[in-house]
PDB file of N, CA and C in Angstrom:
ATOM      1  N   MET A   1     112.431  59.356  25.522  1.00  0.00           N
ATOM      2  CA  MET A   1     111.657  59.377  24.299  1.00  0.00           C
ATOM      3  C   MET A   1     110.340  60.055  24.472  1.00  0.00           C
ATOM      4  N   ARG A   2     109.580  59.817  25.590  1.00  0.00           N
ATOM      5  CA  ARG A   2     108.386  60.383  25.850  1.00  0.00           C
ATOM      6  C   ARG A   2     108.534  61.908  26.091  1.00  0.00           C
ATOM      7  N   PHE A   3     109.660  62.250  26.710  1.00  0.00           N
ATOM      8  CA  PHE A   3     109.803  63.650  27.014  1.00  0.00           C
ATOM      9  C   PHE A   3     109.932  64.441  25.701  1.00  0.00           C
ATOM     10  N   ASN A   4     110.755  63.955  24.779  1.00  0.00           N
ATOM     11  CA  ASN A   4     110.894  64.538  23.414  1.00  0.00           C
ATOM     12  C   ASN A   4     109.668  64.705  22.713  1.00  0.00           C
ATOM     13  N   ASP A   5     108.764  63.654  22.785  1.00  0.00           N
ATOM     14  CA  ASP A   5     107.465  63.647  22.183  1.00  0.00           C
ATOM     15  C   ASP A   5     106.589  64.829  22.776  1.00  0.00           C
ATOM     16  N   ARG A   6     106.793  64.967  23.992  1.00  0.00           N
ATOM     17  CA  ARG A   6     105.873  66.127  24.587  1.00  0.00           C
ATOM     18  C   ARG A   6     106.428  67.367  24.190  1.00  0.00           C
ATOM     19  N   ILE A   7     107.707  67.574  24.043  1.00  0.00           N
ATOM     20  CA  ILE A   7     108.362  68.960  23.588  1.00  0.00           C
ATOM     21  C   ILE A   7     107.822  69.104  22.202  1.00  0.00           C
ATOM     22  N   ILE A   8     107.914  68.133  21.390  1.00  0.00           N
ATOM     23  CA  ILE A   8     107.451  68.309  19.970  1.00  0.00           C
ATOM     24  C   ILE A   8     105.896  68.634  19.886  1.00  0.00           C
ATOM     25  N   LYS A   9     105.114  67.947  20.717  1.00  0.00           N
ATOM     26  CA  LYS A   9     103.702  68.340  20.715  1.00  0.00           C
ATOM     27  C   LYS A   9     103.511  69.695  21.244  1.00  0.00           C
ATOM     28  N   GLY A  10     104.232  70.061  22.264  1.00  0.00           N
ATOM     29  CA  GLY A  10     104.122  71.515  22.767  1.00  0.00           C
ATOM     30  C   GLY A  10     104.470  72.555  21.734  1.00  0.00           C
ATOM     31  N   ILE A  11     105.493  72.254  20.814  1.00  0.00           N
ATOM     32  CA  ILE A  11     105.807  73.214  19.821  1.00  0.00           C
ATOM     33  C   ILE A  11     104.662  73.252  18.810  1.00  0.00           C
ATOM     34  N   VAL A  12     104.130  72.101  18.382  1.00  0.00           N
ATOM     35  CA  VAL A  12     102.998  72.059  17.524  1.00  0.00           C
ATOM     36  C   VAL A  12     101.811  72.840  18.128  1.00  0.00           C
ATOM     37  N   PHE A  13     101.593  72.558  19.356  1.00  0.00           N
ATOM     38  CA  PHE A  13     100.393  73.195  19.981  1.00  0.00           C
ATOM     39  C   PHE A  13     100.518  74.698  19.935  1.00  0.00           C
ATOM     40  N   LEU A  14     101.749  75.110  20.287  1.00  0.00           N
ATOM     41  CA  LEU A  14     102.088  76.655  20.349  1.00  0.00           C
ATOM     42  C   LEU A  14     101.888  77.250  18.999  1.00  0.00           C
ATOM     43  N   GLY A  15     102.383  76.527  17.890  1.00  0.00           N
ATOM     44  CA  GLY A  15     102.212  77.016  16.598  1.00  0.00           C
ATOM     45  C   GLY A  15     100.765  77.081  16.144  1.00  0.00           C
ATOM     46  N   GLU A  16      99.993  76.111  16.512  1.00  0.00           N
ATOM     47  CA  GLU A  16      98.662  76.070  16.178  1.00  0.00           C
ATOM     48  C   GLU A  16      97.916  77.256  16.962  1.00  0.00           C
ATOM     49  N   PHE A  17      98.172  77.356  18.216  1.00  0.00           N
ATOM     50  CA  PHE A  17      97.639  78.572  18.944  1.00  0.00           C
ATOM     51  C   PHE A  17      97.971  79.917  18.335  1.00  0.00           C
ATOM     52  N   GLN A  18      99.234  80.056  18.000  1.00  0.00           N
ATOM     53  CA  GLN A  18      99.649  81.291  17.354  1.00  0.00           C
ATOM     54  C   GLN A  18      98.898  81.528  16.012  1.00  0.00           C
ATOM     55  N   ASN A  19      98.677  80.475  15.250  1.00  0.00           N
ATOM     56  CA  ASN A  19      97.874  80.634  13.964  1.00  0.00           C
ATOM     57  C   ASN A  19      96.420  81.036  14.259  1.00  0.00           C
ATOM     58  N   ILE A  20      95.843  80.467  15.363  1.00  0.00           N
ATOM     59  CA  ILE A  20      94.476  80.849  15.659  1.00  0.00           C
ATOM     60  C   ILE A  20      94.427  82.332  16.057  1.00  0.00           C
ATOM     61  N   ASN A  21      95.378  82.642  16.863  1.00  0.00           N
ATOM     62  CA  ASN A  21      95.517  84.048  17.384  1.00  0.00           C
ATOM     63  C   ASN A  21      95.643  85.023  16.297  1.00  0.00           C
ATOM     64  N   ASN A  22      96.524  84.663  15.250  1.00  0.00           N
ATOM     65  CA  ASN A  22      96.732  85.601  14.110  1.00  0.00           C
ATOM     66  C   ASN A  22      95.418  85.638  13.166  1.00  0.00           C
ATOM     67  N   ALA A  23      94.890  84.446  12.995  1.00  0.00           N
ATOM     68  CA  ALA A  23      93.647  84.383  12.162  1.00  0.00           C
ATOM     69  C   ALA A  23      92.464  85.223  12.724  1.00  0.00           C
ATOM     70  N   THR A  24      92.320  85.121  13.986  1.00  0.00           N
ATOM     71  CA  THR A  24      91.184  85.863  14.631  1.00  0.00           C
ATOM     72  C   THR A  24      91.459  87.337  14.838  1.00  0.00           C
ATOM     73  N   GLY A  25      92.623  87.851  14.730  1.00  0.00           N
ATOM     74  CA  GLY A  25      92.890  89.235  15.009  1.00  0.00           C
ATOM     75  C   GLY A  25      92.803  89.630  16.507  1.00  0.00           C
ATOM     76  N   ASN A  26      91.550  89.513  16.993  1.00  0.00           N
ATOM     77  CA  ASN A  26      91.390  89.743  18.440  1.00  0.00           C
ATOM     78  C   ASN A  26      91.801  88.636  19.363  1.00  0.00           C
ATOM     79  N   GLY A  27      92.119  87.557  18.731  1.00  0.00           N
ATOM     80  CA  GLY A  27      92.586  86.420  19.504  1.00  0.00           C
ATOM     81  C   GLY A  27      91.619  85.794  20.397  1.00  0.00           C
ATOM     82  N   TRP A  28      92.016  85.613  21.609  1.00  0.00           N
ATOM     83  CA  TRP A  28      91.340  84.816  22.633  1.00  0.00           C
ATOM     84  C   TRP A  28      89.834  85.239  22.792  1.00  0.00           C
ATOM     85  N   GLN A  29      89.512  86.429  22.833  1.00  0.00           N
ATOM     86  CA  GLN A  29      88.184  86.948  23.109  1.00  0.00           C
ATOM     87  C   GLN A  29      87.183  86.361  22.129  1.00  0.00           C
ATOM     88  N   VAL A  30      87.510  86.151  20.852  1.00  0.00           N
ATOM     89  CA  VAL A  30      86.503  85.799  19.844  1.00  0.00           C
ATOM     90  C   VAL A  30      86.496  84.352  19.550  1.00  0.00           C
ATOM     91  N   LEU A  31      87.244  83.595  20.270  1.00  0.00           N
ATOM     92  CA  LEU A  31      87.299  82.070  20.064  1.00  0.00           C
ATOM     93  C   LEU A  31      86.110  81.504  20.687  1.00  0.00           C
ATOM     94  N   PRO A  32      85.412  80.575  20.080  1.00  0.00           N
ATOM     95  CA  PRO A  32      84.296  79.827  20.669  1.00  0.00           C
ATOM     96  C   PRO A  32      84.688  79.207  22.006  1.00  0.00           C
ATOM     97  N   THR A  33      83.732  79.143  22.896  1.00  0.00           N
ATOM     98  CA  THR A  33      83.961  78.697  24.308  1.00  0.00           C
ATOM     99  C   THR A  33      84.517  77.191  24.294  1.00  0.00           C
ATOM    100  N   ASN A  34      84.104  76.378  23.339  1.00  0.00           N
ATOM    101  CA  ASN A  34      84.667  74.997  23.424  1.00  0.00           C
ATOM    102  C   ASN A  34      86.115  74.982  22.991  1.00  0.00           C
ATOM    103  N   VAL A  35      86.536  75.858  22.119  1.00  0.00           N
ATOM    104  CA  VAL A  35      87.924  76.018  21.638  1.00  0.00           C
ATOM    105  C   VAL A  35      88.709  76.582  22.911  1.00  0.00           C
ATOM    106  N   LYS A  36      88.289  77.496  23.570  1.00  0.00           N
ATOM    107  CA  LYS A  36      88.951  78.144  24.838  1.00  0.00           C
ATOM    108  C   LYS A  36      89.176  76.966  25.783  1.00  0.00           C
ATOM    109  N   ASN A  37      88.024  76.150  26.040  1.00  0.00           N
ATOM    110  CA  ASN A  37      88.119  75.046  26.949  1.00  0.00           C
ATOM    111  C   ASN A  37      89.156  73.969  26.504  1.00  0.00           C
ATOM    112  N   LYS A  38      89.264  73.795  25.270  1.00  0.00           N
ATOM    113  CA  LYS A  38      90.183  72.774  24.829  1.00  0.00           C
ATOM    114  C   LYS A  38      91.676  73.150  25.183  1.00  0.00           C
ATOM    115  N   TYR A  39      91.897  74.514  24.845  1.00  0.00           N
ATOM    116  CA  TYR A  39      93.238  74.872  25.044  1.00  0.00           C
ATOM    117  C   TYR A  39      93.498  75.153  26.652  1.00  0.00           C
ATOM    118  N   HIS A  40      92.533  75.576  27.245  1.00  0.00           N
ATOM    119  CA  HIS A  40      92.706  75.740  28.747  1.00  0.00           C
ATOM    120  C   HIS A  40      93.012  74.487  29.447  1.00  0.00           C
ATOM    121  N   ASP A  41      92.304  73.383  29.001  1.00  0.00           N
ATOM    122  CA  ASP A  41      92.625  71.986  29.552  1.00  0.00           C
ATOM    123  C   ASP A  41      94.029  71.614  29.181  1.00  0.00           C
ATOM    124  N   HIS A  42      94.441  71.831  27.942  1.00  0.00           N
ATOM    125  CA  HIS A  42      95.655  71.370  27.497  1.00  0.00           C
ATOM    126  C   HIS A  42      96.782  72.099  28.322  1.00  0.00           C
ATOM    127  N   LEU A  43      96.574  73.415  28.439  1.00  0.00           N
ATOM    128  CA  LEU A  43      97.592  74.188  29.256  1.00  0.00           C
ATOM    129  C   LEU A  43      97.655  73.698  30.727  1.00  0.00           C
ATOM    130  N   THR A  44      96.510  73.577  31.278  1.00  0.00           N
ATOM    131  CA  THR A  44      96.382  73.181  32.769  1.00  0.00           C
ATOM    132  C   THR A  44      97.002  71.752  32.878  1.00  0.00           C
ATOM    133  N   ALA A  45      96.832  70.913  31.912  1.00  0.00           N
ATOM    134  CA  ALA A  45      97.497  69.508  32.106  1.00  0.00           C
ATOM    135  C   ALA A  45      98.991  69.635  32.002  1.00  0.00           C
ATOM    136  N   HIS A  46      99.481  70.561  31.217  1.00  0.00           N
ATOM    137  CA  HIS A  46     100.948  70.732  31.081  1.00  0.00           C
ATOM    138  C   HIS A  46     101.484  71.297  32.388  1.00  0.00           C
ATOM    139  N   LEU A  47     100.845  72.258  33.029  1.00  0.00           N
ATOM    140  CA  LEU A  47     101.234  72.912  34.259  1.00  0.00           C
ATOM    141  C   LEU A  47     101.269  71.879  35.356  1.00  0.00           C
ATOM    142  N   ILE A  48     100.190  71.056  35.320  1.00  0.00           N
ATOM    143  CA  ILE A  48     100.174  70.050  36.459  1.00  0.00           C
ATOM    144  C   ILE A  48     101.297  69.018  36.296  1.00  0.00           C
ATOM    145  N   GLU A  49     101.541  68.630  35.065  1.00  0.00           N
ATOM    146  CA  GLU A  49     102.535  67.610  34.817  1.00  0.00           C
ATOM    147  C   GLU A  49     103.948  68.132  35.110  1.00  0.00           C
ATOM    148  N   SER A  50     104.215  69.377  34.971  1.00  0.00           N
ATOM    149  CA  SER A  50     105.594  69.951  35.204  1.00  0.00           C
ATOM    150  C   SER A  50     106.055  69.885  36.525  1.00  0.00           C
TER     151      SER A  50
END
């Protein structure tokens, strides 16, 4: 059950990230630092858990 929840959250996260990327045009470079840190921490946590 928890595994499926993680996959669903991952899909939502990727969709959210894609929307931010599309909305900004230049993507990562123009995101505020706190937003970059939020996503960096999220991605790092997933890599460590895997």
